[in-house]
């Protein structure tokens, strides 16, 4: 896991995590991950990017719309995590304490959904 600064762009943060990425066939991301360098890095690793193009692209790059719709599950998980005020507002100063709070909240959500 990587906890980045709030003002860093998402495609730069994703480029930092490419070396730790497990072997996958497709990477699903939203429009904020649309950059040529990230797409090239993914294709060199034989990963197909399923990222919609930004509105300001002159030549839109096609993506699989049915596969992209599955991204809502991940978005729903983040919404549920941010229901916890301490995570949404990031009260913890240390990164390891914040990550511990996220893990505890995710475990609690998993446990509640399994019961």
N, C-alpha and C. Protein backbone atom coordinates (compact mmCIF):
# COMPACT_ATOMS: atom_id res chain seq x y z
N UNK A 1 0.84 -1.17 0.00
CA UNK A 1 0.00 0.00 0.00
C UNK A 1 0.88 1.23 0.00
N UNK A 2 0.37 2.26 -0.64
CA UNK A 2 1.08 3.52 -0.73
C UNK A 2 0.17 4.64 -0.26
N UNK A 3 0.62 5.38 0.70
CA UNK A 3 -0.11 6.54 1.18
C UNK A 3 0.61 7.75 0.63
N UNK A 4 0.00 8.43 -0.34
CA UNK A 4 0.66 9.56 -0.99
C UNK A 4 0.15 10.87 -0.43
N UNK A 5 0.79 11.93 -0.85
CA UNK A 5 0.37 13.26 -0.45
C UNK A 5 -0.97 13.57 -1.08
N UNK A 6 -1.71 14.47 -0.50
CA UNK A 6 -3.03 14.80 -1.02
C UNK A 6 -2.99 15.53 -2.35
N UNK A 7 -1.91 16.26 -2.63
CA UNK A 7 -1.87 17.06 -3.84
C UNK A 7 -1.16 16.35 -5.01
N UNK A 8 -0.73 15.12 -4.86
CA UNK A 8 -0.08 14.40 -5.95
C UNK A 8 -1.15 13.86 -6.90
N UNK A 9 -0.85 13.90 -8.19
CA UNK A 9 -1.83 13.40 -9.16
C UNK A 9 -1.89 11.88 -9.09
N UNK A 10 -3.03 11.33 -9.44
CA UNK A 10 -3.24 9.90 -9.26
C UNK A 10 -2.39 9.06 -10.22
N UNK A 11 -2.17 9.53 -11.43
CA UNK A 11 -1.37 8.72 -12.35
C UNK A 11 0.10 8.69 -11.94
N UNK A 12 0.59 9.71 -11.24
CA UNK A 12 1.96 9.66 -10.73
C UNK A 12 2.06 8.67 -9.56
N UNK A 13 1.05 8.64 -8.72
CA UNK A 13 1.03 7.68 -7.62
C UNK A 13 0.92 6.25 -8.13
N UNK A 14 0.15 6.06 -9.20
CA UNK A 14 0.02 4.72 -9.78
C UNK A 14 1.34 4.27 -10.40
N UNK A 15 2.08 5.18 -10.99
CA UNK A 15 3.37 4.83 -11.58
C UNK A 15 4.35 4.37 -10.51
N UNK A 16 4.23 4.92 -9.31
CA UNK A 16 5.10 4.49 -8.21
C UNK A 16 4.78 3.07 -7.75
N UNK A 17 3.53 2.64 -7.92
CA UNK A 17 3.11 1.33 -7.44
C UNK A 17 3.19 0.22 -8.49
N UNK A 18 3.59 0.54 -9.70
CA UNK A 18 3.61 -0.48 -10.77
C UNK A 18 4.53 -1.65 -10.45
N UNK A 19 5.64 -1.39 -9.79
CA UNK A 19 6.57 -2.49 -9.49
C UNK A 19 5.98 -3.46 -8.47
N UNK A 20 5.08 -3.00 -7.61
CA UNK A 20 4.47 -3.87 -6.59
C UNK A 20 3.16 -4.47 -7.05
N UNK A 21 2.77 -4.22 -8.29
CA UNK A 21 1.49 -4.71 -8.80
C UNK A 21 1.56 -6.22 -9.04
N UNK A 22 0.59 -6.97 -8.54
CA UNK A 22 0.59 -8.41 -8.81
C UNK A 22 0.29 -8.68 -10.28
N UNK A 23 0.55 -9.88 -10.76
CA UNK A 23 0.27 -10.16 -12.19
C UNK A 23 -1.22 -10.11 -12.48
N UNK A 24 -1.60 -9.17 -13.32
CA UNK A 24 -3.00 -8.98 -13.72
C UNK A 24 -3.06 -8.82 -15.23
N UNK A 25 -4.25 -8.99 -15.78
CA UNK A 25 -4.43 -8.81 -17.22
C UNK A 25 -4.95 -7.43 -17.56
N UNK A 26 -5.82 -6.89 -16.68
CA UNK A 26 -6.48 -5.61 -16.96
C UNK A 26 -6.39 -4.74 -15.72
N UNK A 27 -6.15 -3.44 -15.91
CA UNK A 27 -6.18 -2.48 -14.83
C UNK A 27 -7.30 -1.49 -15.11
N UNK A 28 -8.25 -1.39 -14.18
CA UNK A 28 -9.40 -0.49 -14.34
C UNK A 28 -9.11 0.78 -13.53
N UNK A 29 -9.25 1.92 -14.18
CA UNK A 29 -9.03 3.20 -13.51
C UNK A 29 -9.98 4.25 -14.06
N UNK A 30 -10.17 5.31 -13.30
CA UNK A 30 -11.04 6.37 -13.79
C UNK A 30 -10.25 7.36 -14.64
N UNK A 31 -10.90 8.44 -15.04
CA UNK A 31 -10.30 9.39 -15.97
C UNK A 31 -9.05 10.06 -15.42
N UNK A 32 -8.91 10.13 -14.12
CA UNK A 32 -7.74 10.78 -13.55
C UNK A 32 -6.46 9.98 -13.79
N UNK A 33 -6.58 8.71 -14.15
CA UNK A 33 -5.41 7.88 -14.46
C UNK A 33 -5.04 7.91 -15.94
N UNK A 34 -5.73 8.72 -16.72
CA UNK A 34 -5.48 8.79 -18.15
C UNK A 34 -4.23 9.63 -18.43
N UNK A 35 -3.12 8.94 -18.70
CA UNK A 35 -1.89 9.60 -19.13
C UNK A 35 -1.16 8.64 -20.06
N UNK A 36 -0.45 9.21 -21.01
CA UNK A 36 0.27 8.38 -21.98
C UNK A 36 1.37 7.56 -21.31
N UNK A 37 2.06 8.15 -20.34
CA UNK A 37 3.17 7.42 -19.71
C UNK A 37 2.65 6.23 -18.89
N UNK A 38 1.51 6.39 -18.22
CA UNK A 38 0.96 5.26 -17.47
C UNK A 38 0.46 4.17 -18.40
N UNK A 39 -0.18 4.56 -19.49
CA UNK A 39 -0.66 3.57 -20.47
C UNK A 39 0.52 2.80 -21.08
N UNK A 40 1.60 3.50 -21.40
CA UNK A 40 2.78 2.82 -21.96
C UNK A 40 3.42 1.88 -20.95
N UNK A 41 3.49 2.31 -19.70
CA UNK A 41 4.07 1.45 -18.66
C UNK A 41 3.23 0.19 -18.46
N UNK A 42 1.91 0.33 -18.56
CA UNK A 42 1.04 -0.84 -18.42
C UNK A 42 1.19 -1.79 -19.60
N UNK A 43 1.25 -1.26 -20.80
CA UNK A 43 1.36 -2.13 -21.97
C UNK A 43 2.72 -2.82 -22.04
N UNK A 44 3.78 -2.21 -21.52
CA UNK A 44 5.07 -2.91 -21.49
C UNK A 44 5.04 -4.08 -20.51
N UNK A 45 4.18 -3.98 -19.50
CA UNK A 45 4.00 -5.09 -18.55
C UNK A 45 2.91 -6.06 -18.99
N UNK A 46 2.42 -5.88 -20.21
CA UNK A 46 1.35 -6.71 -20.79
C UNK A 46 0.06 -6.63 -19.98
N UNK A 47 -0.26 -5.42 -19.50
CA UNK A 47 -1.49 -5.17 -18.78
C UNK A 47 -2.34 -4.25 -19.65
N UNK A 48 -3.57 -4.66 -19.88
CA UNK A 48 -4.46 -3.85 -20.70
C UNK A 48 -5.10 -2.76 -19.83
N UNK A 49 -4.92 -1.49 -20.17
CA UNK A 49 -5.56 -0.43 -19.40
C UNK A 49 -7.02 -0.26 -19.79
N UNK A 50 -7.90 -0.27 -18.82
CA UNK A 50 -9.32 0.01 -19.04
C UNK A 50 -9.60 1.35 -18.37
N UNK A 51 -9.16 2.41 -19.05
CA UNK A 51 -9.23 3.76 -18.52
C UNK A 51 -9.92 4.64 -19.56
N UNK A 52 -11.02 5.28 -19.21
CA UNK A 52 -11.65 6.18 -20.18
C UNK A 52 -10.79 7.41 -20.42
N UNK A 53 -10.90 7.97 -21.60
CA UNK A 53 -10.10 9.14 -21.95
C UNK A 53 -10.67 10.39 -21.29
N UNK A 54 -9.78 11.32 -21.03
CA UNK A 54 -10.23 12.61 -20.52
C UNK A 54 -10.95 13.38 -21.60
N UNK A 55 -11.70 14.34 -21.20
CA UNK A 55 -12.49 15.13 -22.13
C UNK A 55 -11.61 15.95 -23.08
N UNK A 56 -10.43 16.36 -22.64
CA UNK A 56 -9.59 17.23 -23.45
C UNK A 56 -8.66 16.48 -24.40
N UNK A 57 -8.76 15.15 -24.49
CA UNK A 57 -7.94 14.39 -25.43
C UNK A 57 -8.42 14.61 -26.85
N UNK A 58 -7.48 14.86 -27.76
CA UNK A 58 -7.87 15.08 -29.15
C UNK A 58 -8.35 13.79 -29.80
N UNK A 59 -7.67 12.70 -29.55
CA UNK A 59 -8.06 11.38 -30.05
C UNK A 59 -8.46 10.51 -28.86
N UNK A 60 -9.75 10.34 -28.59
CA UNK A 60 -10.15 9.49 -27.46
C UNK A 60 -9.70 8.05 -27.66
N UNK A 61 -9.25 7.45 -26.58
CA UNK A 61 -8.80 6.05 -26.61
C UNK A 61 -9.96 5.18 -26.14
N UNK A 62 -10.35 4.18 -26.94
CA UNK A 62 -11.49 3.35 -26.55
C UNK A 62 -11.17 2.47 -25.33
N UNK A 63 -12.20 2.15 -24.58
CA UNK A 63 -12.07 1.26 -23.43
C UNK A 63 -13.30 0.36 -23.36
N UNK A 64 -13.20 -0.72 -22.62
CA UNK A 64 -14.29 -1.67 -22.46
C UNK A 64 -15.28 -1.12 -21.43
N UNK A 65 -16.45 -0.68 -21.89
CA UNK A 65 -17.43 -0.04 -21.00
C UNK A 65 -18.05 -1.03 -20.02
N UNK A 66 -18.26 -2.26 -20.43
CA UNK A 66 -18.87 -3.24 -19.51
C UNK A 66 -17.91 -3.59 -18.39
N UNK A 67 -16.64 -3.70 -18.70
CA UNK A 67 -15.64 -3.98 -17.66
C UNK A 67 -15.47 -2.77 -16.74
N UNK A 68 -15.54 -1.59 -17.31
CA UNK A 68 -15.37 -0.37 -16.51
C UNK A 68 -16.50 -0.20 -15.50
N UNK A 69 -17.68 -0.72 -15.79
CA UNK A 69 -18.80 -0.60 -14.86
C UNK A 69 -18.57 -1.36 -13.56
N UNK A 70 -17.66 -2.33 -13.56
CA UNK A 70 -17.37 -3.08 -12.34
C UNK A 70 -16.59 -2.24 -11.32
N UNK A 71 -16.08 -1.10 -11.75
CA UNK A 71 -15.32 -0.23 -10.87
C UNK A 71 -16.17 0.31 -9.72
N UNK A 72 -17.48 0.30 -9.88
CA UNK A 72 -18.34 0.85 -8.83
C UNK A 72 -18.22 0.08 -7.52
N UNK A 73 -17.84 -1.17 -7.56
CA UNK A 73 -17.66 -1.95 -6.32
C UNK A 73 -16.54 -1.36 -5.46
N UNK A 74 -15.47 -0.99 -6.12
CA UNK A 74 -14.35 -0.39 -5.39
C UNK A 74 -14.75 0.98 -4.85
N UNK A 75 -15.46 1.75 -5.67
CA UNK A 75 -15.92 3.07 -5.23
C UNK A 75 -16.85 2.94 -4.03
N UNK A 76 -17.73 1.93 -4.04
CA UNK A 76 -18.63 1.71 -2.90
C UNK A 76 -17.86 1.38 -1.63
N UNK A 77 -16.76 0.63 -1.77
CA UNK A 77 -15.95 0.30 -0.61
C UNK A 77 -15.33 1.56 0.00
N UNK A 78 -14.83 2.46 -0.85
CA UNK A 78 -14.26 3.70 -0.32
C UNK A 78 -15.32 4.58 0.33
N UNK A 79 -16.51 4.59 -0.21
CA UNK A 79 -17.60 5.36 0.40
C UNK A 79 -17.93 4.80 1.78
N UNK A 80 -17.96 3.48 1.88
CA UNK A 80 -18.25 2.86 3.18
C UNK A 80 -17.13 3.14 4.19
N UNK A 81 -15.87 3.13 3.72
CA UNK A 81 -14.77 3.45 4.62
C UNK A 81 -14.83 4.90 5.09
N UNK A 82 -15.23 5.79 4.19
CA UNK A 82 -15.27 7.20 4.55
C UNK A 82 -16.49 7.55 5.39
N UNK A 83 -17.37 6.59 5.64
CA UNK A 83 -18.43 6.81 6.61
C UNK A 83 -17.85 6.99 8.01
N UNK A 84 -16.68 6.42 8.22
CA UNK A 84 -15.97 6.60 9.49
C UNK A 84 -15.32 7.98 9.45
N UNK A 85 -15.71 8.83 10.34
CA UNK A 85 -15.25 10.21 10.31
C UNK A 85 -13.73 10.33 10.47
N UNK A 86 -13.15 9.46 11.27
CA UNK A 86 -11.70 9.55 11.48
C UNK A 86 -10.92 9.25 10.21
N UNK A 87 -11.49 8.46 9.32
CA UNK A 87 -10.82 8.16 8.06
C UNK A 87 -11.09 9.26 7.04
N UNK A 88 -12.32 9.74 6.98
CA UNK A 88 -12.65 10.78 6.01
C UNK A 88 -11.90 12.07 6.28
N UNK A 89 -11.72 12.42 7.55
CA UNK A 89 -11.06 13.68 7.90
C UNK A 89 -9.57 13.51 8.18
N UNK A 90 -9.11 12.28 8.24
CA UNK A 90 -7.72 11.93 8.52
C UNK A 90 -7.19 12.64 9.77
N UNK A 91 -7.74 12.22 10.90
CA UNK A 91 -7.33 12.79 12.17
C UNK A 91 -5.93 12.35 12.58
N UNK A 92 -5.50 11.17 12.14
CA UNK A 92 -4.20 10.64 12.56
C UNK A 92 -3.07 11.38 11.85
N UNK A 93 -2.05 11.71 12.59
CA UNK A 93 -0.91 12.41 12.00
C UNK A 93 0.07 11.45 11.34
N UNK A 94 0.29 10.31 11.93
CA UNK A 94 1.26 9.36 11.40
C UNK A 94 0.61 8.47 10.34
N UNK A 95 1.38 8.16 9.31
CA UNK A 95 0.86 7.34 8.22
C UNK A 95 0.53 5.93 8.70
N UNK A 96 1.37 5.36 9.56
CA UNK A 96 1.12 3.99 10.02
C UNK A 96 -0.14 3.92 10.89
N UNK A 97 -0.43 4.95 11.65
CA UNK A 97 -1.64 4.97 12.46
C UNK A 97 -2.87 5.09 11.56
N UNK A 98 -2.77 5.93 10.53
CA UNK A 98 -3.88 6.09 9.59
C UNK A 98 -4.15 4.79 8.84
N UNK A 99 -3.10 4.10 8.40
CA UNK A 99 -3.27 2.83 7.70
C UNK A 99 -3.86 1.78 8.64
N UNK A 100 -3.48 1.83 9.91
CA UNK A 100 -4.06 0.91 10.89
C UNK A 100 -5.56 1.16 11.07
N UNK A 101 -5.96 2.42 11.07
CA UNK A 101 -7.38 2.75 11.18
C UNK A 101 -8.14 2.26 9.96
N UNK A 102 -7.55 2.39 8.77
CA UNK A 102 -8.19 1.90 7.55
C UNK A 102 -8.35 0.39 7.61
N UNK A 103 -7.31 -0.31 8.03
CA UNK A 103 -7.38 -1.79 8.12
C UNK A 103 -8.42 -2.23 9.15
N UNK A 104 -8.48 -1.53 10.26
CA UNK A 104 -9.47 -1.87 11.29
C UNK A 104 -10.88 -1.63 10.77
N UNK A 105 -11.11 -0.52 10.09
CA UNK A 105 -12.43 -0.22 9.54
C UNK A 105 -12.81 -1.22 8.45
N UNK A 106 -11.86 -1.59 7.59
CA UNK A 106 -12.15 -2.56 6.53
C UNK A 106 -12.47 -3.92 7.12
N UNK A 107 -11.75 -4.32 8.16
CA UNK A 107 -12.01 -5.59 8.81
C UNK A 107 -13.39 -5.59 9.45
N UNK A 108 -13.76 -4.50 10.09
CA UNK A 108 -15.08 -4.38 10.71
C UNK A 108 -16.18 -4.47 9.68
N UNK A 109 -16.00 -3.76 8.55
CA UNK A 109 -17.00 -3.82 7.48
C UNK A 109 -17.14 -5.22 6.92
N UNK A 110 -16.02 -5.90 6.74
CA UNK A 110 -16.05 -7.27 6.24
C UNK A 110 -16.77 -8.19 7.23
N UNK A 111 -16.47 -8.03 8.50
CA UNK A 111 -17.07 -8.87 9.53
C UNK A 111 -18.58 -8.65 9.61
N UNK A 112 -19.01 -7.38 9.51
CA UNK A 112 -20.44 -7.07 9.56
C UNK A 112 -21.16 -7.64 8.36
N UNK A 113 -20.57 -7.55 7.19
CA UNK A 113 -21.21 -8.07 5.97
C UNK A 113 -21.26 -9.58 5.94
N UNK A 114 -20.34 -10.25 6.59
CA UNK A 114 -20.31 -11.71 6.61
C UNK A 114 -21.33 -12.29 7.59
N UNK A 115 -21.68 -11.52 8.62
CA UNK A 115 -22.61 -12.02 9.66
C UNK A 115 -24.02 -12.07 9.17
